[in-house]
């Protein structure tokens, strides 16, 4: 996958993560952007796995923080399934 293809995918994904307000929410967009590019370069194609990883990392800093994203674009069941791998006792 070339750089332009990755950029197009990430650009589309970011349309479904609201810009919102607050430092943590800005982190989600920024961190998702970087992590998604990394995952795509490594051959991982699941946007839900990337989202779950980003949520888990941010929640390490602020366990009470809840992510906002479009659940019709990011399959909420898959995000929850992947998130449980990072937070086995925490429900999403």
C-alpha atoms as a PDB file:
ATOM      1  CA  UNK A   1       0.000   0.000   0.000  1.00  0.00           C
ATOM      2  CA  UNK A   2       1.458   3.337  -0.990  1.00  0.00           C
ATOM      3  CA  UNK A   3       1.449   6.564   1.001  1.00  0.00           C
ATOM      4  CA  UNK A   4      -1.421   8.141  -0.943  1.00  0.00           C
ATOM      5  CA  UNK A   5      -3.663   5.107  -0.377  1.00  0.00           C
ATOM      6  CA  UNK A   6      -2.939   5.254   3.359  1.00  0.00           C
ATOM      7  CA  UNK A   7      -3.666   8.973   3.427  1.00  0.00           C
ATOM      8  CA  UNK A   8      -7.001   8.440   1.683  1.00  0.00           C
ATOM      9  CA  UNK A   9      -8.027   5.709   4.128  1.00  0.00           C
ATOM     10  CA  UNK A  10      -7.012   7.715   7.192  1.00  0.00           C
ATOM     11  CA  UNK A  11      -8.698  10.854   5.861  1.00  0.00           C
ATOM     12  CA  UNK A  12     -11.963   8.912   5.448  1.00  0.00           C
ATOM     13  CA  UNK A  13     -11.633   7.370   8.918  1.00  0.00           C
ATOM     14  CA  UNK A  14     -11.041  10.755  10.554  1.00  0.00           C
ATOM     15  CA  UNK A  15     -14.328  12.051   9.110  1.00  0.00           C
ATOM     16  CA  UNK A  16     -16.016   9.683  11.573  1.00  0.00           C
ATOM     17  CA  UNK A  17     -14.175  10.900  14.682  1.00  0.00           C
ATOM     18  CA  UNK A  18     -15.624  14.268  15.708  1.00  0.00           C
ATOM     19  CA  UNK A  19     -13.161  17.097  16.200  1.00  0.00           C
ATOM     20  CA  UNK A  20     -14.938  17.915  19.449  1.00  0.00           C
ATOM     21  CA  UNK A  21     -13.277  19.741  22.271  1.00  0.00           C
ATOM     22  CA  UNK A  22     -10.946  18.882  25.103  1.00  0.00           C
ATOM     23  CA  UNK A  23      -7.421  17.597  25.161  1.00  0.00           C
ATOM     24  CA  UNK A  24      -8.268  13.908  25.294  1.00  0.00           C
ATOM     25  CA  UNK A  25     -10.557  14.059  22.300  1.00  0.00           C
ATOM     26  CA  UNK A  26      -7.890  15.850  20.294  1.00  0.00           C
ATOM     27  CA  UNK A  27      -5.550  13.069  21.341  1.00  0.00           C
ATOM     28  CA  UNK A  28      -7.905  10.469  19.879  1.00  0.00           C
ATOM     29  CA  UNK A  29      -7.833  12.070  16.422  1.00  0.00           C
ATOM     30  CA  UNK A  30      -4.080  12.650  16.527  1.00  0.00           C
ATOM     31  CA  UNK A  31      -3.221   9.265  17.961  1.00  0.00           C
ATOM     32  CA  UNK A  32      -5.633   7.450  15.633  1.00  0.00           C
ATOM     33  CA  UNK A  33      -4.052   9.197  12.632  1.00  0.00           C
ATOM     34  CA  UNK A  34      -0.543   8.080  13.589  1.00  0.00           C
ATOM     35  CA  UNK A  35      -1.491   4.596  14.737  1.00  0.00           C
ATOM     36  CA  UNK A  36      -3.700   3.878  11.717  1.00  0.00           C
ATOM     37  CA  UNK A  37      -0.874   4.778   9.339  1.00  0.00           C
ATOM     38  CA  UNK A  38       1.454   2.507  11.320  1.00  0.00           C
ATOM     39  CA  UNK A  39      -1.062  -0.353  11.262  1.00  0.00           C
ATOM     40  CA  UNK A  40      -1.724   0.023   7.533  1.00  0.00           C
ATOM     41  CA  UNK A  41       2.003  -0.008   6.822  1.00  0.00           C
ATOM     42  CA  UNK A  42       2.274  -3.254   8.822  1.00  0.00           C
ATOM     43  CA  UNK A  43      -0.600  -4.817   6.863  1.00  0.00           C
ATOM     44  CA  UNK A  44      -3.268  -4.532   9.557  1.00  0.00           C
ATOM     45  CA  UNK A  45      -6.520  -3.368   8.001  1.00  0.00           C
ATOM     46  CA  UNK A  46      -9.011  -3.341  10.895  1.00  0.00           C
ATOM     47  CA  UNK A  47      -9.947   0.227  11.740  1.00  0.00           C
ATOM     48  CA  UNK A  48     -11.768  -1.120  14.802  1.00  0.00           C
ATOM     49  CA  UNK A  49      -8.596  -2.689  16.177  1.00  0.00           C
ATOM     50  CA  UNK A  50      -6.753   0.591  15.683  1.00  0.00           C
ATOM     51  CA  UNK A  51      -9.573   2.515  17.393  1.00  0.00           C
ATOM     52  CA  UNK A  52      -9.629   0.111  20.361  1.00  0.00           C
ATOM     53  CA  UNK A  53      -5.852   0.386  20.763  1.00  0.00           C
ATOM     54  CA  UNK A  54      -6.032   4.193  20.764  1.00  0.00           C
ATOM     55  CA  UNK A  55      -8.889   4.243  23.270  1.00  0.00           C
ATOM     56  CA  UNK A  56      -7.000   1.879  25.582  1.00  0.00           C
ATOM     57  CA  UNK A  57      -3.866   4.017  25.435  1.00  0.00           C
ATOM     58  CA  UNK A  58      -5.738   7.228  26.231  1.00  0.00           C
ATOM     59  CA  UNK A  59      -7.666   5.538  29.046  1.00  0.00           C
ATOM     60  CA  UNK A  60      -4.352   4.626  30.659  1.00  0.00           C
ATOM     61  CA  UNK A  61      -3.944   8.362  31.243  1.00  0.00           C
ATOM     62  CA  UNK A  62      -7.600   9.054  32.093  1.00  0.00           C
ATOM     63  CA  UNK A  63      -9.637   5.934  32.953  1.00  0.00           C
ATOM     64  CA  UNK A  64     -12.912   7.916  33.112  1.00  0.00           C
ATOM     65  CA  UNK A  65     -12.566   9.240  29.556  1.00  0.00           C
ATOM     66  CA  UNK A  66     -15.035   7.926  26.956  1.00  0.00           C
ATOM     67  CA  UNK A  67     -14.365   8.052  23.242  1.00  0.00           C
ATOM     68  CA  UNK A  68     -16.734   9.625  20.761  1.00  0.00           C
ATOM     69  CA  UNK A  69     -16.854   8.223  17.251  1.00  0.00           C
ATOM     70  CA  UNK A  70     -19.392   7.165  14.640  1.00  0.00           C
ATOM     71  CA  UNK A  71     -20.590   3.668  15.666  1.00  0.00           C
ATOM     72  CA  UNK A  72     -22.095   3.119  12.214  1.00  0.00           C
ATOM     73  CA  UNK A  73     -18.660   3.473  10.621  1.00  0.00           C
ATOM     74  CA  UNK A  74     -16.550   1.838  13.336  1.00  0.00           C
ATOM     75  CA  UNK A  75     -18.331  -1.408  14.209  1.00  0.00           C
ATOM     76  CA  UNK A  76     -19.041  -0.928  17.910  1.00  0.00           C
ATOM     77  CA  UNK A  77     -19.097  -4.677  18.613  1.00  0.00           C
ATOM     78  CA  UNK A  78     -15.660  -5.146  17.077  1.00  0.00           C
ATOM     79  CA  UNK A  79     -14.249  -2.114  18.892  1.00  0.00           C
ATOM     80  CA  UNK A  80     -15.577  -3.522  22.182  1.00  0.00           C
ATOM     81  CA  UNK A  81     -14.152  -6.957  21.387  1.00  0.00           C
ATOM     82  CA  UNK A  82     -10.693  -5.561  20.643  1.00  0.00           C
ATOM     83  CA  UNK A  83     -10.880  -3.177  23.598  1.00  0.00           C
ATOM     84  CA  UNK A  84     -11.524  -6.096  25.940  1.00  0.00           C
ATOM     85  CA  UNK A  85      -8.127  -7.465  24.908  1.00  0.00           C
ATOM     86  CA  UNK A  86      -6.494  -4.298  26.248  1.00  0.00           C
ATOM     87  CA  UNK A  87      -8.842  -3.887  29.262  1.00  0.00           C
ATOM     88  CA  UNK A  88     -10.036  -7.409  30.120  1.00  0.00           C
ATOM     89  CA  UNK A  89     -12.156  -6.311  33.083  1.00  0.00           C
ATOM     90  CA  UNK A  90     -13.505  -3.089  31.615  1.00  0.00           C
ATOM     91  CA  UNK A  91     -16.636  -2.870  29.520  1.00  0.00           C
ATOM     92  CA  UNK A  92     -16.937  -0.295  26.763  1.00  0.00           C
END
